[in-house]
Amino acid sequence: MTPADIEELMNMPLVDANSDVHRATESDEEQILNELYGPADPDGIYRGEGA
């Protein structure tokens, strides 16, 4: 593990862990994600398996 990895791990508690981080924030974001990766799975995650 590098010093950069250790620093990143030490700062993880400071990251904003919004539970809606995977939700679209722009009006056309969901459409673009669908075009790029196919439909989201039941959890709302675009996995790129249906494009």
PDB file of N, CA and C in Angstrom:
ATOM      1  N   MET A   1       0.857  -1.167   0.000  1.00  0.00           N
ATOM      2  CA  MET A   1       0.000   0.000   0.000  1.00  0.00           C
ATOM      3  C   MET A   1       0.906   1.234   0.000  1.00  0.00           C
ATOM      4  N   THR A   2       0.605   2.156  -0.889  1.00  0.00           N
ATOM      5  CA  THR A   2       1.444   3.346  -1.014  1.00  0.00           C
ATOM      6  C   THR A   2       1.011   4.418  -0.008  1.00  0.00           C
ATOM      7  N   PRO A   3       1.868   5.408   0.247  1.00  0.00           N
ATOM      8  CA  PRO A   3       1.464   6.514   1.126  1.00  0.00           C
ATOM      9  C   PRO A   3       0.209   7.233   0.626  1.00  0.00           C
ATOM     10  N   ALA A   4       0.051   7.331  -0.698  1.00  0.00           N
ATOM     11  CA  ALA A   4      -1.156   7.964  -1.252  1.00  0.00           C
ATOM     12  C   ALA A   4      -2.401   7.143  -0.918  1.00  0.00           C
ATOM     13  N   ASP A   5      -2.290   5.810  -0.976  1.00  0.00           N
ATOM     14  CA  ASP A   5      -3.416   4.938  -0.610  1.00  0.00           C
ATOM     15  C   ASP A   5      -3.791   5.130   0.852  1.00  0.00           C
ATOM     16  N   ILE A   6      -2.796   5.192   1.700  1.00  0.00           N
ATOM     17  CA  ILE A   6      -3.039   5.369   3.135  1.00  0.00           C
ATOM     18  C   ILE A   6      -3.717   6.714   3.396  1.00  0.00           C
ATOM     19  N   GLU A   7      -3.224   7.762   2.727  1.00  0.00           N
ATOM     20  CA  GLU A   7      -3.836   9.089   2.910  1.00  0.00           C
ATOM     21  C   GLU A   7      -5.292   9.080   2.449  1.00  0.00           C
ATOM     22  N   GLU A   8      -5.554   8.427   1.307  1.00  0.00           N
ATOM     23  CA  GLU A   8      -6.926   8.352   0.811  1.00  0.00           C
ATOM     24  C   GLU A   8      -7.823   7.621   1.810  1.00  0.00           C
ATOM     25  N   LEU A   9      -7.364   6.520   2.344  1.00  0.00           N
ATOM     26  CA  LEU A   9      -8.145   5.769   3.324  1.00  0.00           C
ATOM     27  C   LEU A   9      -8.406   6.581   4.588  1.00  0.00           C
ATOM     28  N   MET A  10      -7.419   7.345   5.007  1.00  0.00           N
ATOM     29  CA  MET A  10      -7.582   8.167   6.217  1.00  0.00           C
ATOM     30  C   MET A  10      -8.609   9.276   6.008  1.00  0.00           C
ATOM     31  N   ASN A  11      -8.780   9.722   4.755  1.00  0.00           N
ATOM     32  CA  ASN A  11      -9.722  10.799   4.466  1.00  0.00           C
ATOM     33  C   ASN A  11     -11.123  10.312   4.107  1.00  0.00           C
ATOM     34  N   MET A  12     -11.315   9.015   3.980  1.00  0.00           N
ATOM     35  CA  MET A  12     -12.626   8.476   3.606  1.00  0.00           C
ATOM     36  C   MET A  12     -13.763   8.921   4.530  1.00  0.00           C
ATOM     37  N   PRO A  13     -13.565   9.026   5.836  1.00  0.00           N
ATOM     38  CA  PRO A  13     -14.669   9.484   6.686  1.00  0.00           C
ATOM     39  C   PRO A  13     -15.117  10.920   6.394  1.00  0.00           C
ATOM     40  N   LEU A  14     -14.303  11.672   5.685  1.00  0.00           N
ATOM     41  CA  LEU A  14     -14.644  13.053   5.368  1.00  0.00           C
ATOM     42  C   LEU A  14     -15.477  13.182   4.099  1.00  0.00           C
ATOM     43  N   VAL A  15     -15.606  12.096   3.345  1.00  0.00           N
ATOM     44  CA  VAL A  15     -16.344  12.114   2.084  1.00  0.00           C
ATOM     45  C   VAL A  15     -17.841  12.163   2.368  1.00  0.00           C
ATOM     46  N   ASP A  16     -18.534  12.997   1.608  1.00  0.00           N
ATOM     47  CA  ASP A  16     -19.990  13.075   1.734  1.00  0.00           C
ATOM     48  C   ASP A  16     -20.595  11.799   1.165  1.00  0.00           C
ATOM     49  N   ALA A  17     -21.126  10.956   2.000  1.00  0.00           N
ATOM     50  CA  ALA A  17     -21.685   9.673   1.584  1.00  0.00           C
ATOM     51  C   ALA A  17     -23.199   9.784   1.432  1.00  0.00           C
ATOM     52  N   ASN A  18     -23.633  10.560   0.452  1.00  0.00           N
ATOM     53  CA  ASN A  18     -25.047  10.754   0.184  1.00  0.00           C
ATOM     54  C   ASN A  18     -25.649   9.443  -0.317  1.00  0.00           C
ATOM     55  N   SER A  19     -26.720   9.013   0.294  1.00  0.00           N
ATOM     56  CA  SER A  19     -27.336   7.734  -0.088  1.00  0.00           C
ATOM     57  C   SER A  19     -27.975   7.786  -1.474  1.00  0.00           C
ATOM     58  N   ASP A  20     -28.195   8.968  -2.034  1.00  0.00           N
ATOM     59  CA  ASP A  20     -28.781   9.109  -3.368  1.00  0.00           C
ATOM     60  C   ASP A  20     -27.728   9.410  -4.428  1.00  0.00           C
ATOM     61  N   VAL A  21     -26.476   9.089  -4.158  1.00  0.00           N
ATOM     62  CA  VAL A  21     -25.382   9.429  -5.067  1.00  0.00           C
ATOM     63  C   VAL A  21     -25.577   8.818  -6.459  1.00  0.00           C
ATOM     64  N   HIS A  22     -26.282   7.712  -6.556  1.00  0.00           N
ATOM     65  CA  HIS A  22     -26.481   7.053  -7.847  1.00  0.00           C
ATOM     66  C   HIS A  22     -27.689   7.585  -8.612  1.00  0.00           C
ATOM     67  N   ARG A  23     -28.441   8.500  -8.043  1.00  0.00           N
ATOM     68  CA  ARG A  23     -29.627   9.052  -8.704  1.00  0.00           C
ATOM     69  C   ARG A  23     -29.231  10.180  -9.658  1.00  0.00           C
ATOM     70  N   ALA A  24     -29.988  10.321 -10.728  1.00  0.00           N
ATOM     71  CA  ALA A  24     -29.733  11.385 -11.698  1.00  0.00           C
ATOM     72  C   ALA A  24     -29.942  12.756 -11.068  1.00  0.00           C
ATOM     73  N   THR A  25     -29.065  13.700 -11.404  1.00  0.00           N
ATOM     74  CA  THR A  25     -29.176  15.065 -10.876  1.00  0.00           C
ATOM     75  C   THR A  25     -29.490  16.075 -11.969  1.00  0.00           C
ATOM     76  N   GLU A  26     -29.347  15.701 -13.223  1.00  0.00           N
ATOM     77  CA  GLU A  26     -29.670  16.563 -14.348  1.00  0.00           C
ATOM     78  C   GLU A  26     -30.888  15.992 -15.053  1.00  0.00           C
ATOM     79  N   SER A  27     -31.676  16.855 -15.684  1.00  0.00           N
ATOM     80  CA  SER A  27     -32.936  16.407 -16.280  1.00  0.00           C
ATOM     81  C   SER A  27     -32.742  15.337 -17.349  1.00  0.00           C
ATOM     82  N   ASP A  28     -31.660  15.381 -18.106  1.00  0.00           N
ATOM     83  CA  ASP A  28     -31.449  14.402 -19.169  1.00  0.00           C
ATOM     84  C   ASP A  28     -30.415  13.334 -18.807  1.00  0.00           C
ATOM     85  N   GLU A  29     -29.958  13.341 -17.578  1.00  0.00           N
ATOM     86  CA  GLU A  29     -28.902  12.406 -17.176  1.00  0.00           C
ATOM     87  C   GLU A  29     -29.357  10.951 -17.304  1.00  0.00           C
ATOM     88  N   GLU A  30     -30.555  10.665 -16.859  1.00  0.00           N
ATOM     89  CA  GLU A  30     -31.053   9.287 -16.931  1.00  0.00           C
ATOM     90  C   GLU A  30     -31.148   8.821 -18.379  1.00  0.00           C
ATOM     91  N   GLN A  31     -31.604   9.690 -19.276  1.00  0.00           N
ATOM     92  CA  GLN A  31     -31.701   9.352 -20.696  1.00  0.00           C
ATOM     93  C   GLN A  31     -30.321   9.059 -21.279  1.00  0.00           C
ATOM     94  N   ILE A  32     -29.352   9.905 -20.970  1.00  0.00           N
ATOM     95  CA  ILE A  32     -28.000   9.709 -21.494  1.00  0.00           C
ATOM     96  C   ILE A  32     -27.374   8.434 -20.939  1.00  0.00           C
ATOM     97  N   LEU A  33     -27.554   8.177 -19.650  1.00  0.00           N
ATOM     98  CA  LEU A  33     -27.024   6.941 -19.064  1.00  0.00           C
ATOM     99  C   LEU A  33     -27.655   5.715 -19.715  1.00  0.00           C
ATOM    100  N   ASN A  34     -28.956   5.784 -19.988  1.00  0.00           N
ATOM    101  CA  ASN A  34     -29.637   4.676 -20.668  1.00  0.00           C
ATOM    102  C   ASN A  34     -29.059   4.453 -22.054  1.00  0.00           C
ATOM    103  N   GLU A  35     -28.779   5.541 -22.786  1.00  0.00           N
ATOM    104  CA  GLU A  35     -28.218   5.424 -24.127  1.00  0.00           C
ATOM    105  C   GLU A  35     -26.811   4.831 -24.078  1.00  0.00           C
ATOM    106  N   LEU A  36     -26.032   5.230 -23.091  1.00  0.00           N
ATOM    107  CA  LEU A  36     -24.654   4.755 -22.991  1.00  0.00           C
ATOM    108  C   LEU A  36     -24.548   3.333 -22.451  1.00  0.00           C
ATOM    109  N   TYR A  37     -25.330   3.013 -21.421  1.00  0.00           N
ATOM    110  CA  TYR A  37     -25.127   1.771 -20.677  1.00  0.00           C
ATOM    111  C   TYR A  37     -26.312   0.823 -20.671  1.00  0.00           C
ATOM    112  N   GLY A  38     -27.428   1.213 -21.263  1.00  0.00           N
ATOM    113  CA  GLY A  38     -28.621   0.390 -21.188  1.00  0.00           C
ATOM    114  C   GLY A  38     -29.370   0.710 -19.903  1.00  0.00           C
ATOM    115  N   PRO A  39     -30.469   0.040 -19.651  1.00  0.00           N
ATOM    116  CA  PRO A  39     -31.274   0.353 -18.468  1.00  0.00           C
ATOM    117  C   PRO A  39     -30.564   0.022 -17.154  1.00  0.00           C
ATOM    118  N   ALA A  40     -30.964   0.745 -16.135  1.00  0.00           N
ATOM    119  CA  ALA A  40     -30.420   0.500 -14.793  1.00  0.00           C
ATOM    120  C   ALA A  40     -30.967  -0.806 -14.247  1.00  0.00           C
ATOM    121  N   ASP A  41     -30.227  -1.414 -13.329  1.00  0.00           N
ATOM    122  CA  ASP A  41     -30.712  -2.627 -12.686  1.00  0.00           C
ATOM    123  C   ASP A  41     -31.754  -2.243 -11.614  1.00  0.00           C
ATOM    124  N   PRO A  42     -32.362  -3.197 -10.933  1.00  0.00           N
ATOM    125  CA  PRO A  42     -33.396  -2.889  -9.941  1.00  0.00           C
ATOM    126  C   PRO A  42     -32.915  -1.956  -8.816  1.00  0.00           C
ATOM    127  N   ASP A  43     -31.607  -1.894  -8.600  1.00  0.00           N
ATOM    128  CA  ASP A  43     -31.070  -1.004  -7.574  1.00  0.00           C
ATOM    129  C   ASP A  43     -30.791   0.390  -8.123  1.00  0.00           C
ATOM    130  N   GLY A  44     -31.048   0.605  -9.418  1.00  0.00           N
ATOM    131  CA  GLY A  44     -30.820   1.904 -10.043  1.00  0.00           C
ATOM    132  C   GLY A  44     -29.388   2.131 -10.484  1.00  0.00           C
ATOM    133  N   ILE A  45     -28.614   1.059 -10.629  1.00  0.00           N
ATOM    134  CA  ILE A  45     -27.211   1.174 -11.023  1.00  0.00           C
ATOM    135  C   ILE A  45     -27.051   0.790 -12.484  1.00  0.00           C
ATOM    136  N   TYR A  46     -26.349   1.650 -13.234  1.00  0.00           N
ATOM    137  CA  TYR A  46     -26.078   1.386 -14.638  1.00  0.00           C
ATOM    138  C   TYR A  46     -24.806   0.556 -14.746  1.00  0.00           C
ATOM    139  N   ARG A  47     -24.949  -0.678 -15.185  1.00  0.00           N
ATOM    140  CA  ARG A  47     -23.810  -1.598 -15.207  1.00  0.00           C
ATOM    141  C   ARG A  47     -23.244  -1.824 -16.608  1.00  0.00           C
ATOM    142  N   GLY A  48     -23.871  -1.254 -17.627  1.00  0.00           N
ATOM    143  CA  GLY A  48     -23.360  -1.382 -18.978  1.00  0.00           C
ATOM    144  C   GLY A  48     -23.577  -2.748 -19.592  1.00  0.00           C
ATOM    145  N   GLU A  49     -24.535  -3.491 -19.078  1.00  0.00           N
ATOM    146  CA  GLU A  49     -24.758  -4.852 -19.564  1.00  0.00           C
ATOM    147  C   GLU A  49     -25.838  -4.924 -20.643  1.00  0.00           C
ATOM    148  N   GLY A  50     -26.608  -3.828 -20.817  1.00  0.00           N
ATOM    149  CA  GLY A  50     -27.709  -3.903 -21.771  1.00  0.00           C
ATOM    150  C   GLY A  50     -27.563  -2.967 -22.943  1.00  0.00           C
ATOM    151  N   ALA A  51     -26.405  -2.386 -23.124  1.00  0.00           N
ATOM    152  CA  ALA A  51     -26.214  -1.414 -24.210  1.00  0.00           C
ATOM    153  C   ALA A  51     -26.059  -2.113 -25.535  1.00  0.00           C
TER     154      ALA A  51
END
